[in-house]
Amino acid sequence: MIIKKLFFIIILIILIVAGLFFVIKKINMNMIILNNSANSEIKNNAKYGEIVKYKKGIAIQFPDFTLTYTGDKLLSGKNGATWSMILNLFEISNEKNTKEVSWSSGTGEIAPNSFEFNGKKYNIEKDFSDKFGQLKQDELIVNFEK
């Protein structure tokens, strides 16, 4: 009788441990899926001329293309020049074409950077906008140039 109760308790403990293991594994898998989907998130319906928050690897859907911030690149002066500047790199794409564009305050003038994509002209504003004033570090504006 005692052996049967002991056997039953051992089986019960094994089932509880196995169940906990399964639950923990399921939680970890869900966290991996959530992390991967966060890296491929697309912000839909961004409008030209409006402030948009951006983050590395997150695509932002504008009417004519998708814009994705891909990171920064340090550009140093040539021939021993002491200046350097940071380029903010963006990928512009649609179902047919992909193009890399950059924005930088360069030597200090904070102005829009113009680019062309599929025969249309646009510009990116960062850090400062004539219309909105100072922009936050994670904000930009894409304008359609008519």
N, C-alpha and C. Protein backbone atom coordinates (compact mmCIF):
# COMPACT_ATOMS: atom_id res chain seq x y z
N MET A 1 0.83 -1.19 0.00
CA MET A 1 0.00 0.00 0.00
C MET A 1 0.87 1.26 0.00
N ILE A 2 1.90 1.29 0.82
CA ILE A 2 2.79 2.45 0.89
C ILE A 2 3.55 2.61 -0.42
N ILE A 3 3.94 1.48 -1.01
CA ILE A 3 4.68 1.52 -2.29
C ILE A 3 3.79 2.10 -3.38
N LYS A 4 2.50 1.72 -3.40
CA LYS A 4 1.59 2.26 -4.40
C LYS A 4 1.43 3.77 -4.23
N LYS A 5 1.31 4.27 -2.98
CA LYS A 5 1.18 5.71 -2.72
C LYS A 5 2.46 6.44 -3.12
N LEU A 6 3.60 5.86 -2.79
CA LEU A 6 4.88 6.44 -3.14
C LEU A 6 5.06 6.51 -4.66
N PHE A 7 4.68 5.42 -5.32
CA PHE A 7 4.74 5.38 -6.79
C PHE A 7 3.83 6.46 -7.39
N PHE A 8 2.62 6.59 -6.87
CA PHE A 8 1.67 7.60 -7.33
C PHE A 8 2.23 9.01 -7.14
N ILE A 9 2.84 9.28 -6.00
CA ILE A 9 3.43 10.60 -5.72
C ILE A 9 4.58 10.89 -6.68
N ILE A 10 5.42 9.91 -6.95
CA ILE A 10 6.55 10.09 -7.88
C ILE A 10 6.03 10.40 -9.29
N ILE A 11 5.03 9.65 -9.73
CA ILE A 11 4.43 9.89 -11.06
C ILE A 11 3.83 11.30 -11.11
N LEU A 12 3.16 11.70 -10.06
CA LEU A 12 2.55 13.04 -9.99
C LEU A 12 3.63 14.12 -10.07
N ILE A 13 4.71 13.95 -9.35
CA ILE A 13 5.82 14.92 -9.39
C ILE A 13 6.41 14.98 -10.79
N ILE A 14 6.60 13.84 -11.43
CA ILE A 14 7.14 13.82 -12.80
C ILE A 14 6.22 14.57 -13.75
N LEU A 15 4.92 14.35 -13.64
CA LEU A 15 3.96 15.04 -14.50
C LEU A 15 3.97 16.55 -14.25
N ILE A 16 4.06 16.96 -13.01
CA ILE A 16 4.11 18.40 -12.69
C ILE A 16 5.38 19.02 -13.26
N VAL A 17 6.53 18.38 -13.07
CA VAL A 17 7.79 18.90 -13.60
C VAL A 17 7.74 18.96 -15.12
N ALA A 18 7.21 17.92 -15.76
CA ALA A 18 7.10 17.91 -17.23
C ALA A 18 6.17 19.03 -17.70
N GLY A 19 5.08 19.23 -16.97
CA GLY A 19 4.15 20.31 -17.33
C GLY A 19 4.80 21.68 -17.20
N LEU A 20 5.55 21.89 -16.12
CA LEU A 20 6.25 23.16 -15.95
C LEU A 20 7.29 23.37 -17.05
N PHE A 21 8.01 22.32 -17.39
CA PHE A 21 8.99 22.40 -18.46
C PHE A 21 8.32 22.82 -19.78
N PHE A 22 7.18 22.21 -20.08
CA PHE A 22 6.44 22.54 -21.30
C PHE A 22 5.98 24.00 -21.28
N VAL A 23 5.46 24.46 -20.16
CA VAL A 23 4.98 25.85 -20.04
C VAL A 23 6.14 26.83 -20.22
N ILE A 24 7.27 26.55 -19.58
CA ILE A 24 8.44 27.44 -19.71
C ILE A 24 8.94 27.47 -21.15
N LYS A 25 8.99 26.31 -21.80
CA LYS A 25 9.43 26.24 -23.20
C LYS A 25 8.47 27.04 -24.09
N LYS A 26 7.18 26.91 -23.85
CA LYS A 26 6.17 27.64 -24.63
C LYS A 26 6.33 29.16 -24.43
N ILE A 27 6.56 29.60 -23.21
CA ILE A 27 6.76 31.03 -22.93
C ILE A 27 8.00 31.52 -23.67
N ASN A 28 9.09 30.79 -23.60
CA ASN A 28 10.32 31.19 -24.30
C ASN A 28 10.11 31.27 -25.81
N MET A 29 9.37 30.32 -26.39
CA MET A 29 9.11 30.36 -27.83
C MET A 29 8.28 31.59 -28.20
N ASN A 30 7.28 31.91 -27.37
CA ASN A 30 6.48 33.10 -27.63
C ASN A 30 7.31 34.36 -27.55
N MET A 31 8.27 34.42 -26.61
CA MET A 31 9.14 35.59 -26.50
C MET A 31 10.03 35.71 -27.73
N ILE A 32 10.54 34.60 -28.25
CA ILE A 32 11.36 34.63 -29.47
C ILE A 32 10.54 35.12 -30.64
N ILE A 33 9.31 34.61 -30.77
CA ILE A 33 8.44 35.05 -31.87
C ILE A 33 8.15 36.54 -31.76
N LEU A 34 7.83 37.02 -30.55
CA LEU A 34 7.55 38.44 -30.36
C LEU A 34 8.77 39.29 -30.69
N ASN A 35 9.96 38.88 -30.25
CA ASN A 35 11.17 39.64 -30.55
C ASN A 35 11.44 39.68 -32.04
N ASN A 36 11.27 38.57 -32.73
CA ASN A 36 11.51 38.56 -34.17
C ASN A 36 10.49 39.39 -34.91
N SER A 37 9.24 39.35 -34.48
CA SER A 37 8.23 40.14 -35.17
C SER A 37 8.41 41.63 -34.90
N ALA A 38 8.95 41.98 -33.73
CA ALA A 38 9.20 43.40 -33.44
C ALA A 38 10.28 43.94 -34.36
N ASN A 39 11.25 43.12 -34.74
CA ASN A 39 12.31 43.56 -35.62
C ASN A 39 11.85 43.71 -37.06
N SER A 40 10.72 43.11 -37.41
CA SER A 40 10.25 43.22 -38.78
C SER A 40 8.92 43.97 -38.86
N GLU A 41 8.61 44.70 -37.84
CA GLU A 41 7.38 45.46 -37.77
C GLU A 41 7.33 46.51 -38.87
N ILE A 42 6.14 46.77 -39.38
CA ILE A 42 5.95 47.82 -40.37
C ILE A 42 4.93 48.81 -39.81
N LYS A 43 5.32 50.08 -39.78
CA LYS A 43 4.39 51.13 -39.39
C LYS A 43 3.69 51.57 -40.67
N ASN A 44 2.37 51.41 -40.70
CA ASN A 44 1.61 51.71 -41.90
C ASN A 44 1.05 53.13 -41.89
N ASN A 45 0.77 53.61 -43.09
CA ASN A 45 0.03 54.85 -43.30
C ASN A 45 0.75 56.11 -42.83
N ALA A 46 2.08 56.16 -42.94
CA ALA A 46 2.78 57.41 -42.65
C ALA A 46 2.45 58.40 -43.76
N LYS A 47 2.37 59.66 -43.41
CA LYS A 47 2.01 60.69 -44.40
C LYS A 47 3.18 61.63 -44.61
N TYR A 48 3.31 62.11 -45.83
CA TYR A 48 4.34 63.10 -46.13
C TYR A 48 4.06 64.38 -45.35
N GLY A 49 5.12 65.02 -44.89
CA GLY A 49 4.99 66.28 -44.19
C GLY A 49 4.60 66.18 -42.73
N GLU A 50 4.54 64.95 -42.18
CA GLU A 50 4.19 64.76 -40.78
C GLU A 50 5.35 64.12 -40.03
N ILE A 51 5.45 64.39 -38.73
CA ILE A 51 6.49 63.81 -37.89
C ILE A 51 6.22 62.32 -37.73
N VAL A 52 7.28 61.53 -37.95
CA VAL A 52 7.20 60.07 -37.82
C VAL A 52 8.33 59.62 -36.91
N LYS A 53 8.03 58.75 -35.97
CA LYS A 53 9.07 58.15 -35.13
C LYS A 53 9.68 56.98 -35.89
N TYR A 54 11.01 56.85 -35.80
CA TYR A 54 11.69 55.75 -36.48
C TYR A 54 12.62 55.03 -35.52
N LYS A 55 12.92 53.80 -35.88
CA LYS A 55 13.80 52.95 -35.08
C LYS A 55 14.51 51.99 -36.03
N LYS A 56 15.73 51.65 -35.70
CA LYS A 56 16.53 50.79 -36.57
C LYS A 56 15.79 49.48 -36.87
N GLY A 57 15.70 49.18 -38.17
CA GLY A 57 15.10 47.93 -38.62
C GLY A 57 13.59 47.93 -38.73
N ILE A 58 12.92 49.01 -38.33
CA ILE A 58 11.47 49.07 -38.40
C ILE A 58 11.07 49.83 -39.67
N ALA A 59 10.34 49.16 -40.55
CA ALA A 59 9.91 49.77 -41.82
C ALA A 59 8.74 50.72 -41.58
N ILE A 60 8.77 51.84 -42.28
CA ILE A 60 7.69 52.83 -42.21
C ILE A 60 7.09 52.95 -43.61
N GLN A 61 5.81 52.65 -43.75
CA GLN A 61 5.16 52.65 -45.05
C GLN A 61 4.61 54.03 -45.38
N PHE A 62 5.18 54.66 -46.41
CA PHE A 62 4.67 55.91 -46.97
C PHE A 62 3.85 55.56 -48.21
N PRO A 63 3.12 56.51 -48.78
CA PRO A 63 2.27 56.18 -49.94
C PRO A 63 3.04 55.57 -51.13
N ASP A 64 4.28 56.01 -51.38
CA ASP A 64 5.00 55.55 -52.57
C ASP A 64 6.12 54.56 -52.29
N PHE A 65 6.49 54.38 -51.03
CA PHE A 65 7.62 53.50 -50.70
C PHE A 65 7.64 53.19 -49.21
N THR A 66 8.53 52.28 -48.86
CA THR A 66 8.79 51.95 -47.47
C THR A 66 10.16 52.49 -47.11
N LEU A 67 10.27 53.15 -45.96
CA LEU A 67 11.53 53.70 -45.47
C LEU A 67 11.94 52.92 -44.23
N THR A 68 13.21 52.46 -44.20
CA THR A 68 13.73 51.72 -43.06
C THR A 68 15.06 52.31 -42.65
N TYR A 69 15.19 52.70 -41.39
CA TYR A 69 16.47 53.18 -40.86
C TYR A 69 17.37 51.98 -40.67
N THR A 70 18.57 52.01 -41.30
CA THR A 70 19.47 50.85 -41.25
C THR A 70 20.68 51.07 -40.35
N GLY A 71 20.89 52.29 -39.85
CA GLY A 71 22.00 52.54 -38.95
C GLY A 71 22.78 53.78 -39.32
N ASP A 72 23.93 53.96 -38.69
CA ASP A 72 24.78 55.14 -38.92
C ASP A 72 26.13 54.71 -39.49
N LYS A 73 26.76 55.68 -40.16
CA LYS A 73 28.09 55.46 -40.71
C LYS A 73 28.93 56.69 -40.43
N LEU A 74 30.13 56.50 -39.89
CA LEU A 74 31.04 57.60 -39.62
C LEU A 74 31.83 57.90 -40.89
N LEU A 75 31.78 59.14 -41.33
CA LEU A 75 32.50 59.57 -42.53
C LEU A 75 33.58 60.54 -42.09
N SER A 76 34.84 60.20 -42.36
CA SER A 76 35.98 61.04 -41.97
C SER A 76 36.52 61.79 -43.17
N GLY A 77 37.13 62.96 -42.88
CA GLY A 77 37.74 63.76 -43.94
C GLY A 77 38.91 63.04 -44.59
N LYS A 78 39.14 63.33 -45.84
CA LYS A 78 40.24 62.71 -46.59
C LYS A 78 41.53 63.50 -46.43
N ASN A 79 42.63 62.86 -46.75
CA ASN A 79 43.95 63.49 -46.76
C ASN A 79 44.31 64.13 -45.42
N GLY A 80 43.97 63.45 -44.33
CA GLY A 80 44.34 63.93 -43.00
C GLY A 80 43.46 65.04 -42.45
N ALA A 81 42.36 65.35 -43.12
CA ALA A 81 41.45 66.37 -42.61
C ALA A 81 40.91 65.93 -41.24
N THR A 82 40.71 66.88 -40.34
CA THR A 82 40.31 66.55 -38.97
C THR A 82 38.80 66.46 -38.77
N TRP A 83 38.03 66.74 -39.78
CA TRP A 83 36.58 66.70 -39.61
C TRP A 83 36.03 65.29 -39.81
N SER A 84 34.89 65.06 -39.24
CA SER A 84 34.13 63.83 -39.48
C SER A 84 32.66 64.14 -39.27
N MET A 85 31.82 63.29 -39.82
CA MET A 85 30.38 63.46 -39.63
C MET A 85 29.71 62.11 -39.64
N ILE A 86 28.55 62.05 -39.05
CA ILE A 86 27.79 60.81 -38.99
C ILE A 86 26.66 60.88 -40.00
N LEU A 87 26.59 59.85 -40.85
CA LEU A 87 25.50 59.73 -41.80
C LEU A 87 24.45 58.80 -41.21
N ASN A 88 23.19 59.21 -41.22
CA ASN A 88 22.08 58.34 -40.86
C ASN A 88 21.62 57.68 -42.16
N LEU A 89 21.68 56.36 -42.21
CA LEU A 89 21.38 55.62 -43.44
C LEU A 89 19.96 55.07 -43.42
N PHE A 90 19.28 55.21 -44.56
CA PHE A 90 17.91 54.73 -44.72
C PHE A 90 17.81 53.94 -46.02
N GLU A 91 16.99 52.92 -46.00
CA GLU A 91 16.68 52.17 -47.22
C GLU A 91 15.28 52.55 -47.66
N ILE A 92 15.18 52.95 -48.91
CA ILE A 92 13.90 53.29 -49.52
C ILE A 92 13.59 52.15 -50.49
N SER A 93 12.38 51.58 -50.41
CA SER A 93 12.07 50.46 -51.30
C SER A 93 10.59 50.38 -51.60
N ASN A 94 10.30 49.75 -52.71
CA ASN A 94 8.94 49.34 -53.04
C ASN A 94 9.06 47.96 -53.68
N GLU A 95 8.01 47.47 -54.30
CA GLU A 95 8.07 46.12 -54.84
C GLU A 95 9.04 45.99 -56.02
N LYS A 96 9.45 47.11 -56.64
CA LYS A 96 10.33 47.06 -57.81
C LYS A 96 11.77 47.52 -57.53
N ASN A 97 11.95 48.52 -56.70
CA ASN A 97 13.26 49.15 -56.53
C ASN A 97 13.65 49.31 -55.06
N THR A 98 14.96 49.40 -54.86
CA THR A 98 15.53 49.68 -53.54
C THR A 98 16.66 50.69 -53.71
N LYS A 99 16.74 51.65 -52.78
CA LYS A 99 17.77 52.68 -52.86
C LYS A 99 18.19 53.05 -51.44
N GLU A 100 19.48 53.33 -51.27
CA GLU A 100 19.96 53.81 -49.98
C GLU A 100 20.07 55.33 -50.05
N VAL A 101 19.52 55.99 -49.04
CA VAL A 101 19.66 57.44 -48.92
C VAL A 101 20.20 57.74 -47.53
N SER A 102 20.80 58.90 -47.38
CA SER A 102 21.37 59.26 -46.09
C SER A 102 20.96 60.67 -45.72
N TRP A 103 21.08 60.97 -44.44
CA TRP A 103 20.87 62.31 -43.93
C TRP A 103 21.99 62.59 -42.95
N SER A 104 22.47 63.82 -42.96
CA SER A 104 23.49 64.23 -42.01
C SER A 104 23.40 65.73 -41.80
N SER A 105 23.74 66.15 -40.59
CA SER A 105 23.84 67.60 -40.37
C SER A 105 25.15 68.11 -40.96
N GLY A 106 25.99 67.20 -41.41
CA GLY A 106 27.23 67.56 -42.10
C GLY A 106 28.12 68.44 -41.26
N THR A 107 28.39 69.61 -41.77
CA THR A 107 29.28 70.54 -41.07
C THR A 107 28.51 71.46 -40.13
N GLY A 108 27.26 71.17 -39.89
CA GLY A 108 26.51 71.95 -38.92
C GLY A 108 25.22 72.53 -39.43
N GLU A 109 25.06 72.67 -40.73
CA GLU A 109 23.80 73.18 -41.26
C GLU A 109 22.77 72.06 -41.23
N ILE A 110 21.70 72.28 -40.51
CA ILE A 110 20.66 71.27 -40.41
C ILE A 110 19.59 71.62 -41.44
N ALA A 111 19.60 70.86 -42.53
CA ALA A 111 18.69 71.14 -43.64
C ALA A 111 18.17 69.81 -44.19
N PRO A 112 17.05 69.84 -44.91
CA PRO A 112 16.54 68.62 -45.51
C PRO A 112 17.52 68.04 -46.53
N ASN A 113 17.52 66.73 -46.65
CA ASN A 113 18.32 66.06 -47.67
C ASN A 113 17.39 65.56 -48.76
N SER A 114 17.56 66.06 -49.97
CA SER A 114 16.70 65.68 -51.08
C SER A 114 17.16 64.37 -51.70
N PHE A 115 16.19 63.61 -52.19
CA PHE A 115 16.49 62.38 -52.93
C PHE A 115 15.39 62.14 -53.95
N GLU A 116 15.71 61.33 -54.94
CA GLU A 116 14.75 60.98 -55.98
C GLU A 116 14.51 59.48 -55.93
N PHE A 117 13.25 59.09 -56.11
CA PHE A 117 12.91 57.67 -56.13
C PHE A 117 11.76 57.47 -57.11
N ASN A 118 11.97 56.60 -58.07
CA ASN A 118 10.97 56.31 -59.11
C ASN A 118 10.50 57.57 -59.83
N GLY A 119 11.44 58.48 -60.12
CA GLY A 119 11.13 59.69 -60.87
C GLY A 119 10.46 60.79 -60.08
N LYS A 120 10.28 60.63 -58.79
CA LYS A 120 9.66 61.65 -57.95
C LYS A 120 10.70 62.16 -56.96
N LYS A 121 10.55 63.42 -56.53
CA LYS A 121 11.50 64.03 -55.62
C LYS A 121 10.90 64.15 -54.21
N TYR A 122 11.76 63.83 -53.22
CA TYR A 122 11.37 63.87 -51.82
C TYR A 122 12.52 64.49 -51.04
N ASN A 123 12.28 64.75 -49.75
CA ASN A 123 13.38 65.10 -48.86
C ASN A 123 13.10 64.57 -47.46
N ILE A 124 14.19 64.38 -46.72
CA ILE A 124 14.11 63.93 -45.33
C ILE A 124 14.57 65.07 -44.43
N GLU A 125 13.76 65.39 -43.43
CA GLU A 125 14.14 66.36 -42.41
C GLU A 125 14.38 65.61 -41.11
N LYS A 126 15.49 65.93 -40.46
CA LYS A 126 15.81 65.37 -39.15
C LYS A 126 16.35 66.49 -38.28
N ASP A 127 16.27 66.34 -37.01
CA ASP A 127 16.77 67.29 -36.01
C ASP A 127 16.00 68.60 -35.97
N PHE A 128 15.71 69.19 -37.13
CA PHE A 128 14.98 70.46 -37.14
C PHE A 128 14.11 70.55 -38.38
N SER A 129 12.91 71.12 -38.21
CA SER A 129 11.97 71.31 -39.30
C SER A 129 11.51 72.76 -39.31
N ASP A 130 11.45 73.37 -40.49
CA ASP A 130 10.94 74.75 -40.59
C ASP A 130 9.51 74.83 -40.08
N LYS A 131 8.73 73.79 -40.32
CA LYS A 131 7.31 73.79 -39.94
C LYS A 131 7.10 73.45 -38.45
N PHE A 132 7.84 72.45 -37.93
CA PHE A 132 7.59 71.95 -36.58
C PHE A 132 8.65 72.36 -35.55
N GLY A 133 9.78 72.92 -36.01
CA GLY A 133 10.85 73.29 -35.09
C GLY A 133 11.74 72.10 -34.77
N GLN A 134 12.26 72.07 -33.54
CA GLN A 134 13.19 71.02 -33.11
C GLN A 134 12.50 69.66 -33.12
N LEU A 135 13.16 68.66 -33.71
CA LEU A 135 12.65 67.29 -33.71
C LEU A 135 13.42 66.46 -32.69
N LYS A 136 12.78 65.46 -32.14
CA LYS A 136 13.45 64.55 -31.20
C LYS A 136 14.40 63.64 -31.96
N GLN A 137 15.30 63.00 -31.22
CA GLN A 137 16.33 62.13 -31.80
C GLN A 137 15.75 61.03 -32.67
N ASP A 138 14.56 60.52 -32.33
CA ASP A 138 13.96 59.40 -33.05
C ASP A 138 12.83 59.85 -33.98
N GLU A 139 12.86 61.10 -34.42
CA GLU A 139 11.81 61.62 -35.29
C GLU A 139 12.39 62.11 -36.61
N LEU A 140 11.59 61.98 -37.65
CA LEU A 140 11.94 62.53 -38.96
C LEU A 140 10.67 62.92 -39.70
N ILE A 141 10.88 63.65 -40.78
CA ILE A 141 9.76 64.03 -41.66
C ILE A 141 10.21 63.74 -43.09
N VAL A 142 9.35 63.08 -43.85
CA VAL A 142 9.60 62.89 -45.28
C VAL A 142 8.61 63.80 -46.01
N ASN A 143 9.14 64.64 -46.89
CA ASN A 143 8.31 65.56 -47.67
C ASN A 143 8.33 65.16 -49.14
N PHE A 144 7.19 65.33 -49.79
CA PHE A 144 7.10 65.13 -51.23
C PHE A 144 7.32 66.48 -51.87
N GLU A 145 8.32 66.58 -52.76
CA GLU A 145 8.61 67.83 -53.44
C GLU A 145 7.87 67.85 -54.76
N LYS A 146 7.01 68.85 -54.96
CA LYS A 146 6.19 68.92 -56.18
C LYS A 146 6.94 69.58 -57.30
